[in-house]
Structures are given as structure tokens and as C-alpha cells.
Amino acid sequence: MLLTEAEARERWCPFARTYAVHETGAATHNRGYGKGKPEPDCLCLASACMAWRWMPGTFEPPLGYCGLAGSLGAERPPE
């Protein structure tokens, strides 16, 4: 999925982790307990992440995607 950096920074990253101390002990996680939305520290870093890939071409604003999800050529065609 091609995104602007601003759009990407609103998306959850499954690889990001945050540290929290709960009544049951300390743990790392990437989704808030009972909040239903991701922790702010667990959102996409966009171009600050080593996995970020810019889409070649002249797009305004520039578009990119998460390289950990595979290359754009590996996407399934729409059904």
C-alpha cells in the first residue's frame, strides 16, 4: 500500500514495542490494554525506519511503503 509519510505515521507497526509496568509485572507490548488502539510509541516511523522504501517516480507528495511487508511487485492483484 502506497502512503504519504503522514499517512504512514498514523498506522500501527506490528514490530514496534513499548515497555509498561502493570499490576501483574513489567512487560513489552505493542497495543494498549483495553484501549482498543495502539500505543503512540508503536506507530510507523515512516522514513525514520530502515524498512521504509520510497516509491520511485515523481509523486507529489512523495509516496512510500513498508519494505517488511514485501516489495510492491509481490502484491496480489485485486479480485
PDB file of N, CA and C in Angstrom:
ATOM      1  N   MET A   1       0.836  -1.153   0.000  1.00  0.00           N
ATOM      2  CA  MET A   1       0.000   0.000   0.000  1.00  0.00           C
ATOM      3  C   MET A   1       0.898   1.237   0.000  1.00  0.00           C
ATOM      4  N   LEU A   2       0.706   2.095  -0.955  1.00  0.00           N
ATOM      5  CA  LEU A   2       1.477   3.327  -1.025  1.00  0.00           C
ATOM      6  C   LEU A   2       0.852   4.378  -0.119  1.00  0.00           C
ATOM      7  N   LEU A   3       1.705   5.008   0.674  1.00  0.00           N
ATOM      8  CA  LEU A   3       1.238   6.011   1.630  1.00  0.00           C
ATOM      9  C   LEU A   3       2.160   7.220   1.622  1.00  0.00           C
ATOM     10  N   THR A   4       1.616   8.363   2.005  1.00  0.00           N
ATOM     11  CA  THR A   4       2.474   9.500   2.293  1.00  0.00           C
ATOM     12  C   THR A   4       3.097   9.246   3.662  1.00  0.00           C
ATOM     13  N   GLU A   5       4.128  10.003   4.010  1.00  0.00           N
ATOM     14  CA  GLU A   5       4.732   9.822   5.335  1.00  0.00           C
ATOM     15  C   GLU A   5       3.724  10.112   6.434  1.00  0.00           C
ATOM     16  N   ALA A   6       2.910  11.136   6.256  1.00  0.00           N
ATOM     17  CA  ALA A   6       1.914  11.486   7.271  1.00  0.00           C
ATOM     18  C   ALA A   6       0.909  10.357   7.471  1.00  0.00           C
ATOM     19  N   GLU A   7       0.466   9.732   6.385  1.00  0.00           N
ATOM     20  CA  GLU A   7      -0.470   8.609   6.494  1.00  0.00           C
ATOM     21  C   GLU A   7       0.184   7.427   7.187  1.00  0.00           C
ATOM     22  N   ALA A   8       1.433   7.144   6.832  1.00  0.00           N
ATOM     23  CA  ALA A   8       2.142   6.007   7.417  1.00  0.00           C
ATOM     24  C   ALA A   8       2.311   6.191   8.926  1.00  0.00           C
ATOM     25  N   ARG A   9       2.594   7.390   9.363  1.00  0.00           N
ATOM     26  CA  ARG A   9       2.819   7.653  10.792  1.00  0.00           C
ATOM     27  C   ARG A   9       1.557   7.479  11.644  1.00  0.00           C
ATOM     28  N   GLU A  10       0.408   7.307  11.004  1.00  0.00           N
ATOM     29  CA  GLU A  10      -0.843   7.047  11.723  1.00  0.00           C
ATOM     30  C   GLU A  10      -1.153   5.561  11.803  1.00  0.00           C
ATOM     31  N   ARG A  11      -0.335   4.725  11.156  1.00  0.00           N
ATOM     32  CA  ARG A  11      -0.566   3.277  11.109  1.00  0.00           C
ATOM     33  C   ARG A  11       0.206   2.551  12.199  1.00  0.00           C
ATOM     34  N   TRP A  12      -0.355   1.450  12.643  1.00  0.00           N
ATOM     35  CA  TRP A  12       0.260   0.610  13.665  1.00  0.00           C
ATOM     36  C   TRP A  12       1.357  -0.240  13.040  1.00  0.00           C
ATOM     37  N   CYS A  13       2.476  -0.382  13.740  1.00  0.00           N
ATOM     38  CA  CYS A  13       3.571  -1.243  13.294  1.00  0.00           C
ATOM     39  C   CYS A  13       3.607  -2.493  14.162  1.00  0.00           C
ATOM     40  N   PRO A  14       3.474  -3.679  13.591  1.00  0.00           N
ATOM     41  CA  PRO A  14       3.488  -4.897  14.394  1.00  0.00           C
ATOM     42  C   PRO A  14       4.859  -5.227  14.982  1.00  0.00           C
ATOM     43  N   PHE A  15       5.915  -4.558  14.534  1.00  0.00           N
ATOM     44  CA  PHE A  15       7.261  -4.829  15.027  1.00  0.00           C
ATOM     45  C   PHE A  15       7.683  -3.895  16.152  1.00  0.00           C
ATOM     46  N   ALA A  16       6.970  -2.809  16.355  1.00  0.00           N
ATOM     47  CA  ALA A  16       7.316  -1.843  17.404  1.00  0.00           C
ATOM     48  C   ALA A  16       6.868  -2.363  18.766  1.00  0.00           C
ATOM     49  N   ARG A  17       7.621  -2.044  19.802  1.00  0.00           N
ATOM     50  CA  ARG A  17       7.301  -2.471  21.164  1.00  0.00           C
ATOM     51  C   ARG A  17       7.464  -1.297  22.119  1.00  0.00           C
ATOM     52  N   THR A  18       6.669  -1.318  23.160  1.00  0.00           N
ATOM     53  CA  THR A  18       6.800  -0.341  24.230  1.00  0.00           C
ATOM     54  C   THR A  18       6.830  -1.087  25.551  1.00  0.00           C
ATOM     55  N   TYR A  19       7.402  -0.480  26.560  1.00  0.00           N
ATOM     56  CA  TYR A  19       7.579  -1.113  27.867  1.00  0.00           C
ATOM     57  C   TYR A  19       6.562  -0.524  28.833  1.00  0.00           C
ATOM     58  N   ALA A  20       5.941  -1.362  29.616  1.00  0.00           N
ATOM     59  CA  ALA A  20       4.962  -0.887  30.591  1.00  0.00           C
ATOM     60  C   ALA A  20       5.041  -1.740  31.848  1.00  0.00           C
ATOM     61  N   VAL A  21       4.693  -1.143  32.964  1.00  0.00           N
ATOM     62  CA  VAL A  21       4.628  -1.860  34.228  1.00  0.00           C
ATOM     63  C   VAL A  21       3.157  -1.928  34.636  1.00  0.00           C
ATOM     64  N   HIS A  22       2.682  -3.149  34.816  1.00  0.00           N
ATOM     65  CA  HIS A  22       1.290  -3.390  35.206  1.00  0.00           C
ATOM     66  C   HIS A  22       1.272  -4.049  36.572  1.00  0.00           C
ATOM     67  N   GLU A  23       0.078  -4.180  37.136  1.00  0.00           N
ATOM     68  CA  GLU A  23      -0.018  -4.827  38.448  1.00  0.00           C
ATOM     69  C   GLU A  23       0.481  -6.267  38.426  1.00  0.00           C
ATOM     70  N   THR A  24       0.470  -6.896  37.246  1.00  0.00           N
ATOM     71  CA  THR A  24       0.960  -8.266  37.131  1.00  0.00           C
ATOM     72  C   THR A  24       2.457  -8.329  36.838  1.00  0.00           C
ATOM     73  N   GLY A  25       3.093  -7.174  36.628  1.00  0.00           N
ATOM     74  CA  GLY A  25       4.530  -7.138  36.356  1.00  0.00           C
ATOM     75  C   GLY A  25       4.839  -6.300  35.140  1.00  0.00           C
ATOM     76  N   ALA A  26       6.107  -6.245  34.801  1.00  0.00           N
ATOM     77  CA  ALA A  26       6.550  -5.463  33.646  1.00  0.00           C
ATOM     78  C   ALA A  26       6.486  -6.315  32.383  1.00  0.00           C
ATOM     79  N   ALA A  27       6.196  -5.657  31.286  1.00  0.00           N
ATOM     80  CA  ALA A  27       6.111  -6.380  30.022  1.00  0.00           C
ATOM     81  C   ALA A  27       6.286  -5.416  28.851  1.00  0.00           C
ATOM     82  N   THR A  28       6.674  -5.978  27.725  1.00  0.00           N
ATOM     83  CA  THR A  28       6.670  -5.184  26.498  1.00  0.00           C
ATOM     84  C   THR A  28       5.437  -5.583  25.706  1.00  0.00           C
ATOM     85  N   HIS A  29       4.876  -4.638  25.015  1.00  0.00           N
ATOM     86  CA  HIS A  29       3.697  -4.902  24.196  1.00  0.00           C
ATOM     87  C   HIS A  29       3.624  -3.850  23.095  1.00  0.00           C
ATOM     88  N   ASN A  30       2.692  -4.028  22.178  1.00  0.00           N
ATOM     89  CA  ASN A  30       2.541  -3.036  21.124  1.00  0.00           C
ATOM     90  C   ASN A  30       1.095  -2.581  20.943  1.00  0.00           C
ATOM     91  N   ARG A  31       0.236  -2.961  21.837  1.00  0.00           N
ATOM     92  CA  ARG A  31      -1.139  -2.466  21.841  1.00  0.00           C
ATOM     93  C   ARG A  31      -1.536  -2.217  23.282  1.00  0.00           C
ATOM     94  N   GLY A  32      -2.240  -1.136  23.511  1.00  0.00           N
ATOM     95  CA  GLY A  32      -2.656  -0.806  24.861  1.00  0.00           C
ATOM     96  C   GLY A  32      -3.692  -1.779  25.390  1.00  0.00           C
ATOM     97  N   TYR A  33      -3.600  -2.092  26.643  1.00  0.00           N
ATOM     98  CA  TYR A  33      -4.561  -2.994  27.273  1.00  0.00           C
ATOM     99  C   TYR A  33      -5.894  -2.286  27.444  1.00  0.00           C
ATOM    100  N   GLY A  34      -6.938  -2.798  26.809  1.00  0.00           N
ATOM    101  CA  GLY A  34      -8.282  -2.265  26.960  1.00  0.00           C
ATOM    102  C   GLY A  34      -8.521  -0.930  26.282  1.00  0.00           C
ATOM    103  N   LYS A  35      -7.537  -0.399  25.566  1.00  0.00           N
ATOM    104  CA  LYS A  35      -7.716   0.885  24.905  1.00  0.00           C
ATOM    105  C   LYS A  35      -8.288   0.743  23.499  1.00  0.00           C
ATOM    106  N   GLY A  36      -8.039  -0.391  22.870  1.00  0.00           N
ATOM    107  CA  GLY A  36      -8.548  -0.602  21.525  1.00  0.00           C
ATOM    108  C   GLY A  36      -7.759   0.093  20.435  1.00  0.00           C
ATOM    109  N   LYS A  37      -6.693   0.795  20.783  1.00  0.00           N
ATOM    110  CA  LYS A  37      -5.857   1.408  19.763  1.00  0.00           C
ATOM    111  C   LYS A  37      -4.401   1.282  20.166  1.00  0.00           C
ATOM    112  N   PRO A  38      -3.497   1.413  19.200  1.00  0.00           N
ATOM    113  CA  PRO A  38      -2.081   1.194  19.506  1.00  0.00           C
ATOM    114  C   PRO A  38      -1.489   2.288  20.376  1.00  0.00           C
ATOM    115  N   GLU A  39      -0.439   1.914  21.098  1.00  0.00           N
ATOM    116  CA  GLU A  39       0.322   2.889  21.866  1.00  0.00           C
ATOM    117  C   GLU A  39       0.982   3.862  20.884  1.00  0.00           C
ATOM    118  N   PRO A  40       1.120   5.141  21.238  1.00  0.00           N
ATOM    119  CA  PRO A  40       1.770   6.093  20.332  1.00  0.00           C
ATOM    120  C   PRO A  40       3.193   5.675  19.943  1.00  0.00           C
ATOM    121  N   ASP A  41       3.906   4.983  20.844  1.00  0.00           N
ATOM    122  CA  ASP A  41       5.259   4.526  20.535  1.00  0.00           C
ATOM    123  C   ASP A  41       5.277   3.368  19.547  1.00  0.00           C
ATOM    124  N   CYS A  42       4.127   2.828  19.211  1.00  0.00           N
ATOM    125  CA  CYS A  42       4.060   1.652  18.351  1.00  0.00           C
ATOM    126  C   CYS A  42       3.492   1.967  16.966  1.00  0.00           C
ATOM    127  N   LEU A  43       3.553   3.230  16.596  1.00  0.00           N
ATOM    128  CA  LEU A  43       3.110   3.613  15.266  1.00  0.00           C
ATOM    129  C   LEU A  43       4.296   3.605  14.308  1.00  0.00           C
ATOM    130  N   CYS A  44       4.001   3.571  13.041  1.00  0.00           N
ATOM    131  CA  CYS A  44       5.024   3.545  11.994  1.00  0.00           C
ATOM    132  C   CYS A  44       5.929   4.767  12.091  1.00  0.00           C
ATOM    133  N   LEU A  45       7.216   4.544  11.859  1.00  0.00           N
ATOM    134  CA  LEU A  45       8.201   5.627  11.858  1.00  0.00           C
ATOM    135  C   LEU A  45       8.406   6.206  10.462  1.00  0.00           C
ATOM    136  N   ALA A  46       7.795   5.615   9.459  1.00  0.00           N
ATOM    137  CA  ALA A  46       7.915   6.043   8.059  1.00  0.00           C
ATOM    138  C   ALA A  46       9.390   6.099   7.654  1.00  0.00           C
ATOM    139  N   SER A  47       9.867   7.205   7.125  1.00  0.00           N
ATOM    140  CA  SER A  47      11.231   7.255   6.589  1.00  0.00           C
ATOM    141  C   SER A  47      12.308   7.167   7.667  1.00  0.00           C
ATOM    142  N   ALA A  48      11.938   7.251   8.932  1.00  0.00           N
ATOM    143  CA  ALA A  48      12.910   7.077  10.015  1.00  0.00           C
ATOM    144  C   ALA A  48      13.183   5.593  10.287  1.00  0.00           C
ATOM    145  N   CYS A  49      12.467   4.705   9.636  1.00  0.00           N
ATOM    146  CA  CYS A  49      12.643   3.257   9.789  1.00  0.00           C
ATOM    147  C   CYS A  49      13.508   2.723   8.654  1.00  0.00           C
ATOM    148  N   MET A  50      14.382   1.787   8.976  1.00  0.00           N
ATOM    149  CA  MET A  50      15.259   1.209   7.950  1.00  0.00           C
ATOM    150  C   MET A  50      14.487   0.382   6.918  1.00  0.00           C
ATOM    151  N   ALA A  51      13.267  -0.026   7.232  1.00  0.00           N
ATOM    152  CA  ALA A  51      12.486  -0.826   6.296  1.00  0.00           C
ATOM    153  C   ALA A  51      11.683   0.028   5.308  1.00  0.00           C
ATOM    154  N   TRP A  52      11.601   1.330   5.545  1.00  0.00           N
ATOM    155  CA  TRP A  52      10.817   2.211   4.676  1.00  0.00           C
ATOM    156  C   TRP A  52      11.416   2.253   3.274  1.00  0.00           C
ATOM    157  N   ARG A  53      10.578   2.150   2.276  1.00  0.00           N
ATOM    158  CA  ARG A  53      11.008   2.207   0.875  1.00  0.00           C
ATOM    159  C   ARG A  53      10.225   3.311   0.169  1.00  0.00           C
ATOM    160  N   TRP A  54      10.957   4.159  -0.540  1.00  0.00           N
ATOM    161  CA  TRP A  54      10.310   5.191  -1.330  1.00  0.00           C
ATOM    162  C   TRP A  54       9.890   4.612  -2.678  1.00  0.00           C
ATOM    163  N   MET A  55       8.743   5.014  -3.157  1.00  0.00           N
ATOM    164  CA  MET A  55       8.275   4.596  -4.473  1.00  0.00           C
ATOM    165  C   MET A  55       8.999   5.431  -5.518  1.00  0.00           C
ATOM    166  N   PRO A  56       9.688   4.781  -6.460  1.00  0.00           N
ATOM    167  CA  PRO A  56      10.360   5.563  -7.499  1.00  0.00           C
ATOM    168  C   PRO A  56       9.338   6.305  -8.354  1.00  0.00           C
ATOM    169  N   GLY A  57       9.695   7.463  -8.785  1.00  0.00           N
ATOM    170  CA  GLY A  57       8.811   8.253  -9.639  1.00  0.00           C
ATOM    171  C   GLY A  57       8.648   9.648  -9.077  1.00  0.00           C
ATOM    172  N   THR A  58       7.861  10.409  -9.754  1.00  0.00           N
ATOM    173  CA  THR A  58       7.647  11.795  -9.335  1.00  0.00           C
ATOM    174  C   THR A  58       6.241  11.950  -8.803  1.00  0.00           C
ATOM    175  N   PHE A  59       6.072  11.641  -7.534  1.00  0.00           N
ATOM    176  CA  PHE A  59       4.783  11.794  -6.882  1.00  0.00           C
ATOM    177  C   PHE A  59       4.845  13.019  -5.980  1.00  0.00           C
ATOM    178  N   GLU A  60       3.778  13.745  -5.901  1.00  0.00           N
ATOM    179  CA  GLU A  60       3.714  14.894  -5.007  1.00  0.00           C
ATOM    180  C   GLU A  60       2.458  14.784  -4.172  1.00  0.00           C
ATOM    181  N   PRO A  61       2.501  14.536  -2.894  1.00  0.00           N
ATOM    182  CA  PRO A  61       3.706  14.350  -2.101  1.00  0.00           C
ATOM    183  C   PRO A  61       4.350  12.991  -2.394  1.00  0.00           C
ATOM    184  N   PRO A  62       5.623  12.816  -2.019  1.00  0.00           N
ATOM    185  CA  PRO A  62       6.298  11.527  -2.249  1.00  0.00           C
ATOM    186  C   PRO A  62       5.568  10.385  -1.539  1.00  0.00           C
ATOM    187  N   LEU A  63       5.552   9.225  -2.160  1.00  0.00           N
ATOM    188  CA  LEU A  63       4.885   8.052  -1.605  1.00  0.00           C
ATOM    189  C   LEU A  63       5.904   6.973  -1.282  1.00  0.00           C
ATOM    190  N   GLY A  64       5.574   6.173  -0.280  1.00  0.00           N
ATOM    191  CA  GLY A  64       6.442   5.076   0.112  1.00  0.00           C
ATOM    192  C   GLY A  64       5.628   3.933   0.691  1.00  0.00           C
ATOM    193  N   TYR A  65       6.346   2.911   1.185  1.00  0.00           N
ATOM    194  CA  TYR A  65       5.685   1.740   1.749  1.00  0.00           C
ATOM    195  C   TYR A  65       6.630   1.014   2.688  1.00  0.00           C
ATOM    196  N   CYS A  66       6.081   0.101   3.495  1.00  0.00           N
ATOM    197  CA  CYS A  66       6.881  -0.694   4.414  1.00  0.00           C
ATOM    198  C   CYS A  66       7.517  -1.852   3.654  1.00  0.00           C
ATOM    199  N   GLY A  67       8.841  -1.879   3.626  1.00  0.00           N
ATOM    200  CA  GLY A  67       9.551  -2.943   2.939  1.00  0.00           C
ATOM    201  C   GLY A  67       9.451  -4.284   3.642  1.00  0.00           C
ATOM    202  N   LEU A  68       9.089  -4.310   4.942  1.00  0.00           N
ATOM    203  CA  LEU A  68       8.941  -5.580   5.649  1.00  0.00           C
ATOM    204  C   LEU A  68       7.734  -6.365   5.161  1.00  0.00           C
ATOM    205  N   ALA A  69       6.807  -5.685   4.532  1.00  0.00           N
ATOM    206  CA  ALA A  69       5.621  -6.354   4.014  1.00  0.00           C
ATOM    207  C   ALA A  69       5.861  -6.932   2.632  1.00  0.00           C
ATOM    208  N   GLY A  70       7.064  -6.802   2.111  1.00  0.00           N
ATOM    209  CA  GLY A  70       7.382  -7.312   0.781  1.00  0.00           C
ATOM    210  C   GLY A  70       7.464  -6.171  -0.215  1.00  0.00           C
ATOM    211  N   SER A  71       7.909  -6.494  -1.405  1.00  0.00           N
ATOM    212  CA  SER A  71       8.004  -5.457  -2.435  1.00  0.00           C
ATOM    213  C   SER A  71       6.643  -5.265  -3.078  1.00  0.00           C
ATOM    214  N   LEU A  72       6.478  -4.140  -3.725  1.00  0.00           N
ATOM    215  CA  LEU A  72       5.190  -3.871  -4.367  1.00  0.00           C
ATOM    216  C   LEU A  72       4.878  -4.862  -5.474  1.00  0.00           C
ATOM    217  N   GLY A  73       5.901  -5.418  -6.089  1.00  0.00           N
ATOM    218  CA  GLY A  73       5.680  -6.411  -7.129  1.00  0.00           C
ATOM    219  C   GLY A  73       5.116  -7.722  -6.593  1.00  0.00           C
ATOM    220  N   ALA A  74       5.180  -7.924  -5.285  1.00  0.00           N
ATOM    221  CA  ALA A  74       4.699  -9.170  -4.681  1.00  0.00           C
ATOM    222  C   ALA A  74       3.242  -9.069  -4.231  1.00  0.00           C
ATOM    223  N   GLU A  75       2.595  -7.918  -4.448  1.00  0.00           N
ATOM    224  CA  GLU A  75       1.212  -7.775  -4.024  1.00  0.00           C
ATOM    225  C   GLU A  75       0.287  -8.622  -4.887  1.00  0.00           C
ATOM    226  N   ARG A  76      -0.790  -9.059  -4.291  1.00  0.00           N
ATOM    227  CA  ARG A  76      -1.783  -9.824  -5.020  1.00  0.00           C
ATOM    228  C   ARG A  76      -2.610  -8.874  -5.873  1.00  0.00           C
ATOM    229  N   PRO A  77      -3.002  -9.309  -7.069  1.00  0.00           N
ATOM    230  CA  PRO A  77      -3.884  -8.465  -7.869  1.00  0.00           C
ATOM    231  C   PRO A  77      -5.275  -8.435  -7.251  1.00  0.00           C
ATOM    232  N   PRO A  78      -6.016  -7.337  -7.433  1.00  0.00           N
ATOM    233  CA  PRO A  78      -7.372  -7.280  -6.872  1.00  0.00           C
ATOM    234  C   PRO A  78      -8.263  -8.337  -7.512  1.00  0.00           C
ATOM    235  N   GLU A  79      -9.169  -8.857  -6.729  1.00  0.00           N
ATOM    236  CA  GLU A  79     -10.068  -9.900  -7.246  1.00  0.00           C
ATOM    237  C   GLU A  79     -11.351  -9.292  -7.759  1.00  0.00           C
TER     238      GLU A  79
END
